[in-house]
Amino acid sequence: MTRIDEQARRLDEEYLAISQLFDQFCQRAGALAEQYHFFKWPDYEDTPQLSRAFTLLGEPRELRLRCQPGERGTLHGIIQIVDEEELPHASLRFSADGQLQLEAGRLLDDPPRLLLRLLLGTVWQHKPEA
């Protein structure tokens, strides 16, 4: 197997792992939405693959996953919360093994964006009760 074939296989595996993590994330968000009633998470959606519509405090939002190359040829997933005007309000980067990549910044730089980022982080770390 050539080096290019090996790299392509590895990127395919990382993409599959990232999309599986996104599916798990959506399942956890559903469980959290039932527990806390500040956002609504529908049971089913006719949205494109790797995206999910929801409401946060009554305002429509969309959760989207996109992938981008990282350092040393790895692939990163980026979960974004986007409003109706396609403006991203929060994003969370993670690697194919599920590790979060935290961003630097001061607490009060942008409180609404920070709230959404904390929401994403909470859903990411929340383990559903068995």
N, C-alpha and C. Protein backbone atom coordinates (compact mmCIF):
# COMPACT_ATOMS: atom_id res chain seq x y z
N MET A 1 0.85 -1.19 0.00
CA MET A 1 0.00 0.00 0.00
C MET A 1 0.89 1.24 0.00
N THR A 2 0.57 2.18 -0.84
CA THR A 2 1.39 3.39 -0.93
C THR A 2 1.08 4.34 0.22
N ARG A 3 1.96 5.28 0.40
CA ARG A 3 1.79 6.27 1.47
C ARG A 3 0.50 7.08 1.28
N ILE A 4 0.18 7.43 0.03
CA ILE A 4 -1.04 8.20 -0.26
C ILE A 4 -2.28 7.37 0.05
N ASP A 5 -2.26 6.08 -0.31
CA ASP A 5 -3.38 5.20 0.00
C ASP A 5 -3.58 5.07 1.51
N GLU A 6 -2.48 4.95 2.23
CA GLU A 6 -2.55 4.83 3.69
C GLU A 6 -3.12 6.10 4.31
N GLN A 7 -2.68 7.25 3.83
CA GLN A 7 -3.19 8.52 4.35
C GLN A 7 -4.68 8.67 4.03
N ALA A 8 -5.10 8.30 2.84
CA ALA A 8 -6.52 8.38 2.45
C ALA A 8 -7.36 7.46 3.33
N ARG A 9 -6.86 6.25 3.60
CA ARG A 9 -7.59 5.32 4.47
C ARG A 9 -7.73 5.90 5.88
N ARG A 10 -6.65 6.47 6.38
CA ARG A 10 -6.68 7.05 7.74
C ARG A 10 -7.66 8.22 7.82
N LEU A 11 -7.67 9.08 6.78
CA LEU A 11 -8.60 10.21 6.77
C LEU A 11 -10.05 9.73 6.70
N ASP A 12 -10.30 8.68 5.92
CA ASP A 12 -11.65 8.09 5.87
C ASP A 12 -12.08 7.59 7.25
N GLU A 13 -11.16 6.92 7.95
CA GLU A 13 -11.46 6.41 9.29
C GLU A 13 -11.74 7.57 10.25
N GLU A 14 -10.94 8.63 10.17
CA GLU A 14 -11.15 9.78 11.05
C GLU A 14 -12.47 10.47 10.75
N TYR A 15 -12.82 10.58 9.46
CA TYR A 15 -14.10 11.20 9.10
C TYR A 15 -15.26 10.37 9.66
N LEU A 16 -15.18 9.06 9.54
CA LEU A 16 -16.22 8.19 10.08
C LEU A 16 -16.32 8.35 11.59
N ALA A 17 -15.17 8.40 12.28
CA ALA A 17 -15.16 8.58 13.73
C ALA A 17 -15.78 9.92 14.13
N ILE A 18 -15.45 10.97 13.39
CA ILE A 18 -16.00 12.31 13.69
C ILE A 18 -17.51 12.32 13.49
N SER A 19 -18.00 11.71 12.41
CA SER A 19 -19.46 11.70 12.19
C SER A 19 -20.17 10.85 13.23
N GLN A 20 -19.54 9.77 13.71
CA GLN A 20 -20.13 8.97 14.78
C GLN A 20 -20.17 9.77 16.09
N LEU A 21 -19.11 10.53 16.36
CA LEU A 21 -19.11 11.38 17.55
C LEU A 21 -20.22 12.42 17.47
N PHE A 22 -20.47 12.98 16.27
CA PHE A 22 -21.54 13.94 16.09
C PHE A 22 -22.90 13.29 16.39
N ASP A 23 -23.11 12.07 15.91
CA ASP A 23 -24.35 11.35 16.19
C ASP A 23 -24.53 11.13 17.70
N GLN A 24 -23.45 10.73 18.37
CA GLN A 24 -23.51 10.55 19.82
C GLN A 24 -23.80 11.87 20.53
N PHE A 25 -23.17 12.93 20.04
CA PHE A 25 -23.40 14.27 20.58
C PHE A 25 -24.88 14.62 20.49
N CYS A 26 -25.50 14.35 19.33
CA CYS A 26 -26.92 14.65 19.14
C CYS A 26 -27.79 13.83 20.08
N GLN A 27 -27.42 12.58 20.33
CA GLN A 27 -28.18 11.76 21.28
C GLN A 27 -28.09 12.34 22.68
N ARG A 28 -26.89 12.77 23.07
CA ARG A 28 -26.73 13.39 24.40
C ARG A 28 -27.50 14.70 24.49
N ALA A 29 -27.49 15.47 23.40
CA ALA A 29 -28.25 16.73 23.41
C ALA A 29 -29.73 16.46 23.59
N GLY A 30 -30.23 15.39 22.98
CA GLY A 30 -31.64 15.03 23.16
C GLY A 30 -31.95 14.71 24.61
N ALA A 31 -31.07 13.96 25.25
CA ALA A 31 -31.28 13.62 26.67
C ALA A 31 -31.21 14.87 27.53
N LEU A 32 -30.29 15.77 27.22
CA LEU A 32 -30.16 17.00 27.99
C LEU A 32 -31.36 17.92 27.78
N ALA A 33 -31.89 17.94 26.55
CA ALA A 33 -33.06 18.77 26.25
C ALA A 33 -34.27 18.32 27.06
N GLU A 34 -34.39 17.01 27.29
CA GLU A 34 -35.49 16.51 28.11
C GLU A 34 -35.31 16.91 29.57
N GLN A 35 -34.07 16.96 30.01
CA GLN A 35 -33.78 17.29 31.41
C GLN A 35 -33.94 18.78 31.69
N TYR A 36 -33.43 19.62 30.79
CA TYR A 36 -33.52 21.07 30.93
C TYR A 36 -34.37 21.58 29.78
N HIS A 37 -35.28 22.47 30.04
CA HIS A 37 -36.26 22.84 29.03
C HIS A 37 -35.97 24.17 28.35
N PHE A 38 -34.71 24.60 28.33
CA PHE A 38 -34.40 25.86 27.67
C PHE A 38 -34.10 25.68 26.18
N PHE A 39 -33.98 24.43 25.73
CA PHE A 39 -33.90 24.22 24.29
C PHE A 39 -34.70 23.00 23.91
N LYS A 40 -35.21 23.02 22.70
CA LYS A 40 -36.06 21.95 22.19
C LYS A 40 -35.30 21.21 21.11
N TRP A 41 -35.33 19.91 21.21
CA TRP A 41 -34.60 19.05 20.29
C TRP A 41 -35.61 18.08 19.68
N PRO A 42 -35.94 18.25 18.40
CA PRO A 42 -36.97 17.38 17.81
C PRO A 42 -36.51 15.92 17.72
N ASP A 43 -37.48 15.01 17.70
CA ASP A 43 -37.16 13.59 17.60
C ASP A 43 -36.63 13.20 16.23
N TYR A 44 -37.07 13.87 15.21
CA TYR A 44 -36.62 13.56 13.86
C TYR A 44 -36.54 14.86 13.07
N GLU A 45 -35.73 14.84 12.04
CA GLU A 45 -35.50 16.05 11.24
C GLU A 45 -35.35 15.68 9.78
N ASP A 46 -35.76 16.58 8.91
CA ASP A 46 -35.51 16.44 7.47
C ASP A 46 -34.37 17.36 7.06
N THR A 47 -33.39 17.53 7.92
CA THR A 47 -32.26 18.40 7.63
C THR A 47 -31.17 17.60 6.92
N PRO A 48 -30.27 18.28 6.25
CA PRO A 48 -29.18 17.56 5.58
C PRO A 48 -28.33 16.78 6.58
N GLN A 49 -27.58 15.82 6.05
CA GLN A 49 -26.69 15.03 6.89
C GLN A 49 -25.70 15.94 7.61
N LEU A 50 -25.36 15.58 8.82
CA LEU A 50 -24.40 16.30 9.66
C LEU A 50 -24.88 17.70 10.04
N SER A 51 -26.21 17.87 10.13
CA SER A 51 -26.77 19.10 10.67
C SER A 51 -28.06 18.74 11.40
N ARG A 52 -28.49 19.63 12.31
CA ARG A 52 -29.68 19.36 13.10
C ARG A 52 -30.31 20.68 13.52
N ALA A 53 -31.58 20.86 13.23
CA ALA A 53 -32.30 22.08 13.63
C ALA A 53 -32.78 21.91 15.08
N PHE A 54 -32.79 23.01 15.82
CA PHE A 54 -33.30 23.00 17.20
C PHE A 54 -33.70 24.42 17.56
N THR A 55 -34.28 24.60 18.73
CA THR A 55 -34.57 25.95 19.23
C THR A 55 -33.89 26.12 20.58
N LEU A 56 -33.36 27.31 20.78
CA LEU A 56 -32.71 27.67 22.05
C LEU A 56 -33.43 28.90 22.57
N LEU A 57 -34.08 28.76 23.71
CA LEU A 57 -34.88 29.84 24.29
C LEU A 57 -35.88 30.39 23.27
N GLY A 58 -36.47 29.49 22.48
CA GLY A 58 -37.48 29.85 21.50
C GLY A 58 -36.95 30.37 20.18
N GLU A 59 -35.65 30.51 20.04
CA GLU A 59 -35.07 31.02 18.79
C GLU A 59 -34.53 29.87 17.96
N PRO A 60 -34.86 29.86 16.64
CA PRO A 60 -34.37 28.76 15.79
C PRO A 60 -32.87 28.81 15.60
N ARG A 61 -32.26 27.65 15.68
CA ARG A 61 -30.83 27.49 15.48
C ARG A 61 -30.60 26.22 14.69
N GLU A 62 -29.38 26.06 14.21
CA GLU A 62 -29.00 24.81 13.57
C GLU A 62 -27.64 24.40 14.07
N LEU A 63 -27.51 23.14 14.35
CA LEU A 63 -26.24 22.56 14.77
C LEU A 63 -25.63 21.93 13.53
N ARG A 64 -24.39 22.28 13.20
CA ARG A 64 -23.74 21.76 12.00
C ARG A 64 -22.38 21.19 12.34
N LEU A 65 -22.04 20.17 11.60
CA LEU A 65 -20.70 19.60 11.71
C LEU A 65 -19.97 19.82 10.40
N ARG A 66 -18.74 20.27 10.50
CA ARG A 66 -17.88 20.32 9.32
C ARG A 66 -16.51 19.81 9.73
N CYS A 67 -15.77 19.35 8.77
CA CYS A 67 -14.43 18.82 9.04
C CYS A 67 -13.40 19.70 8.37
N GLN A 68 -12.24 19.78 9.00
CA GLN A 68 -11.15 20.55 8.39
C GLN A 68 -9.83 19.90 8.75
N PRO A 69 -8.85 20.03 7.86
CA PRO A 69 -7.54 19.42 8.14
C PRO A 69 -6.88 20.09 9.33
N GLY A 70 -6.20 19.29 10.11
CA GLY A 70 -5.45 19.80 11.25
C GLY A 70 -3.96 19.64 11.01
N GLU A 71 -3.20 19.74 12.08
CA GLU A 71 -1.76 19.61 11.97
C GLU A 71 -1.38 18.15 11.70
N ARG A 72 -0.27 17.95 11.02
CA ARG A 72 0.27 16.63 10.66
C ARG A 72 -0.74 15.74 9.94
N GLY A 73 -1.59 16.35 9.10
CA GLY A 73 -2.48 15.57 8.26
C GLY A 73 -3.66 14.94 8.95
N THR A 74 -3.98 15.38 10.16
CA THR A 74 -5.14 14.84 10.86
C THR A 74 -6.39 15.60 10.45
N LEU A 75 -7.54 15.09 10.85
CA LEU A 75 -8.81 15.71 10.54
C LEU A 75 -9.47 16.15 11.84
N HIS A 76 -10.05 17.35 11.86
CA HIS A 76 -10.75 17.87 13.02
C HIS A 76 -12.22 18.06 12.69
N GLY A 77 -13.07 17.82 13.67
CA GLY A 77 -14.48 18.14 13.53
C GLY A 77 -14.75 19.47 14.18
N ILE A 78 -15.63 20.25 13.59
CA ILE A 78 -16.04 21.52 14.17
C ILE A 78 -17.56 21.52 14.23
N ILE A 79 -18.09 21.55 15.45
CA ILE A 79 -19.53 21.68 15.64
C ILE A 79 -19.83 23.16 15.78
N GLN A 80 -20.78 23.67 15.01
CA GLN A 80 -21.16 25.08 15.07
C GLN A 80 -22.64 25.22 15.35
N ILE A 81 -22.99 26.25 16.11
CA ILE A 81 -24.38 26.68 16.26
C ILE A 81 -24.54 27.89 15.35
N VAL A 82 -25.49 27.79 14.41
CA VAL A 82 -25.68 28.82 13.39
C VAL A 82 -27.11 29.33 13.49
N ASP A 83 -27.29 30.66 13.32
CA ASP A 83 -28.64 31.22 13.37
C ASP A 83 -29.27 31.24 11.98
N GLU A 84 -30.46 31.83 11.86
CA GLU A 84 -31.18 31.84 10.59
C GLU A 84 -30.46 32.60 9.48
N GLU A 85 -29.61 33.55 9.85
CA GLU A 85 -28.84 34.32 8.87
C GLU A 85 -27.51 33.67 8.54
N GLU A 86 -27.33 32.41 8.95
CA GLU A 86 -26.10 31.66 8.70
C GLU A 86 -24.91 32.18 9.50
N LEU A 87 -25.16 32.98 10.53
CA LEU A 87 -24.09 33.52 11.37
C LEU A 87 -23.74 32.52 12.47
N PRO A 88 -22.49 32.07 12.54
CA PRO A 88 -22.11 31.15 13.62
C PRO A 88 -22.09 31.87 14.97
N HIS A 89 -22.73 31.28 15.97
CA HIS A 89 -22.76 31.86 17.31
C HIS A 89 -21.80 31.18 18.26
N ALA A 90 -21.46 29.94 17.98
CA ALA A 90 -20.52 29.22 18.83
C ALA A 90 -19.95 28.07 18.03
N SER A 91 -18.74 27.67 18.38
CA SER A 91 -18.16 26.50 17.74
C SER A 91 -17.30 25.76 18.74
N LEU A 92 -17.15 24.49 18.47
CA LEU A 92 -16.38 23.62 19.35
C LEU A 92 -15.58 22.68 18.46
N ARG A 93 -14.25 22.69 18.62
CA ARG A 93 -13.39 21.83 17.81
C ARG A 93 -13.03 20.57 18.60
N PHE A 94 -12.97 19.45 17.88
CA PHE A 94 -12.59 18.20 18.52
C PHE A 94 -11.88 17.31 17.52
N SER A 95 -11.11 16.38 18.04
CA SER A 95 -10.39 15.46 17.17
C SER A 95 -11.17 14.16 17.04
N ALA A 96 -10.71 13.29 16.16
CA ALA A 96 -11.43 12.04 15.89
C ALA A 96 -11.48 11.13 17.11
N ASP A 97 -10.57 11.33 18.07
CA ASP A 97 -10.62 10.51 19.29
C ASP A 97 -11.51 11.14 20.36
N GLY A 98 -12.17 12.25 20.04
CA GLY A 98 -13.13 12.86 20.97
C GLY A 98 -12.55 13.93 21.88
N GLN A 99 -11.27 14.22 21.76
CA GLN A 99 -10.66 15.24 22.61
C GLN A 99 -11.06 16.64 22.15
N LEU A 100 -11.53 17.45 23.11
CA LEU A 100 -11.87 18.84 22.80
C LEU A 100 -10.61 19.67 22.64
N GLN A 101 -10.67 20.64 21.73
CA GLN A 101 -9.57 21.57 21.58
C GLN A 101 -10.06 22.93 22.03
N LEU A 102 -9.67 23.28 23.23
CA LEU A 102 -10.19 24.49 23.86
C LEU A 102 -9.57 25.72 23.25
N GLU A 103 -10.37 26.77 23.20
CA GLU A 103 -9.92 28.03 22.63
C GLU A 103 -9.57 29.00 23.75
N ALA A 104 -8.56 29.81 23.52
CA ALA A 104 -8.18 30.82 24.51
C ALA A 104 -9.11 32.02 24.37
N GLY A 105 -9.29 32.74 25.44
CA GLY A 105 -10.13 33.94 25.41
C GLY A 105 -10.51 34.36 26.82
N ARG A 106 -10.93 35.59 26.97
CA ARG A 106 -11.33 36.09 28.28
C ARG A 106 -12.82 35.85 28.49
N LEU A 107 -13.19 35.66 29.73
CA LEU A 107 -14.55 35.27 30.09
C LEU A 107 -15.60 36.24 29.57
N LEU A 108 -15.35 37.54 29.64
CA LEU A 108 -16.38 38.51 29.31
C LEU A 108 -16.23 39.13 27.93
N ASP A 109 -15.40 38.52 27.07
CA ASP A 109 -15.25 39.05 25.71
C ASP A 109 -16.57 39.08 24.97
N ASP A 110 -17.33 38.00 25.06
CA ASP A 110 -18.60 37.89 24.34
C ASP A 110 -19.50 36.92 25.11
N PRO A 111 -20.22 37.41 26.13
CA PRO A 111 -20.99 36.50 26.99
C PRO A 111 -21.99 35.61 26.26
N PRO A 112 -22.78 36.11 25.28
CA PRO A 112 -23.72 35.18 24.62
C PRO A 112 -22.99 34.04 23.89
N ARG A 113 -21.91 34.37 23.22
CA ARG A 113 -21.14 33.33 22.53
C ARG A 113 -20.55 32.36 23.54
N LEU A 114 -20.08 32.89 24.67
CA LEU A 114 -19.53 32.03 25.71
C LEU A 114 -20.60 31.10 26.26
N LEU A 115 -21.82 31.60 26.46
CA LEU A 115 -22.92 30.76 26.96
C LEU A 115 -23.16 29.60 26.01
N LEU A 116 -23.20 29.89 24.71
CA LEU A 116 -23.44 28.82 23.74
C LEU A 116 -22.27 27.84 23.71
N ARG A 117 -21.06 28.36 23.82
CA ARG A 117 -19.89 27.47 23.85
C ARG A 117 -19.94 26.57 25.08
N LEU A 118 -20.34 27.15 26.22
CA LEU A 118 -20.47 26.34 27.43
C LEU A 118 -21.57 25.29 27.27
N LEU A 119 -22.66 25.67 26.60
CA LEU A 119 -23.73 24.70 26.33
C LEU A 119 -23.19 23.54 25.50
N LEU A 120 -22.45 23.87 24.43
CA LEU A 120 -21.86 22.81 23.61
C LEU A 120 -20.94 21.92 24.44
N GLY A 121 -20.10 22.56 25.25
CA GLY A 121 -19.17 21.79 26.08
C GLY A 121 -19.90 20.92 27.08
N THR A 122 -20.99 21.42 27.64
CA THR A 122 -21.78 20.65 28.60
C THR A 122 -22.40 19.44 27.94
N VAL A 123 -23.00 19.64 26.77
CA VAL A 123 -23.61 18.51 26.06
C VAL A 123 -22.53 17.50 25.68
N TRP A 124 -21.37 17.99 25.27
CA TRP A 124 -20.29 17.09 24.85
C TRP A 124 -19.86 16.20 26.02
N GLN A 125 -19.76 16.78 27.22
CA GLN A 125 -19.25 16.03 28.36
C GLN A 125 -20.32 15.26 29.12
N HIS A 126 -21.61 15.58 28.86
CA HIS A 126 -22.71 14.96 29.59
C HIS A 126 -22.83 13.48 29.23
N LYS A 127 -22.84 12.64 30.24
CA LYS A 127 -23.04 11.21 30.02
C LYS A 127 -24.48 10.87 30.41
N PRO A 128 -25.26 10.32 29.48
CA PRO A 128 -26.63 9.98 29.82
C PRO A 128 -26.70 8.96 30.95
N GLU A 129 -27.68 9.12 31.80
CA GLU A 129 -27.85 8.17 32.89
C GLU A 129 -28.42 6.87 32.36
N ALA A 130 -27.85 5.78 32.81
CA ALA A 130 -28.29 4.45 32.32
C ALA A 130 -29.54 3.98 33.02
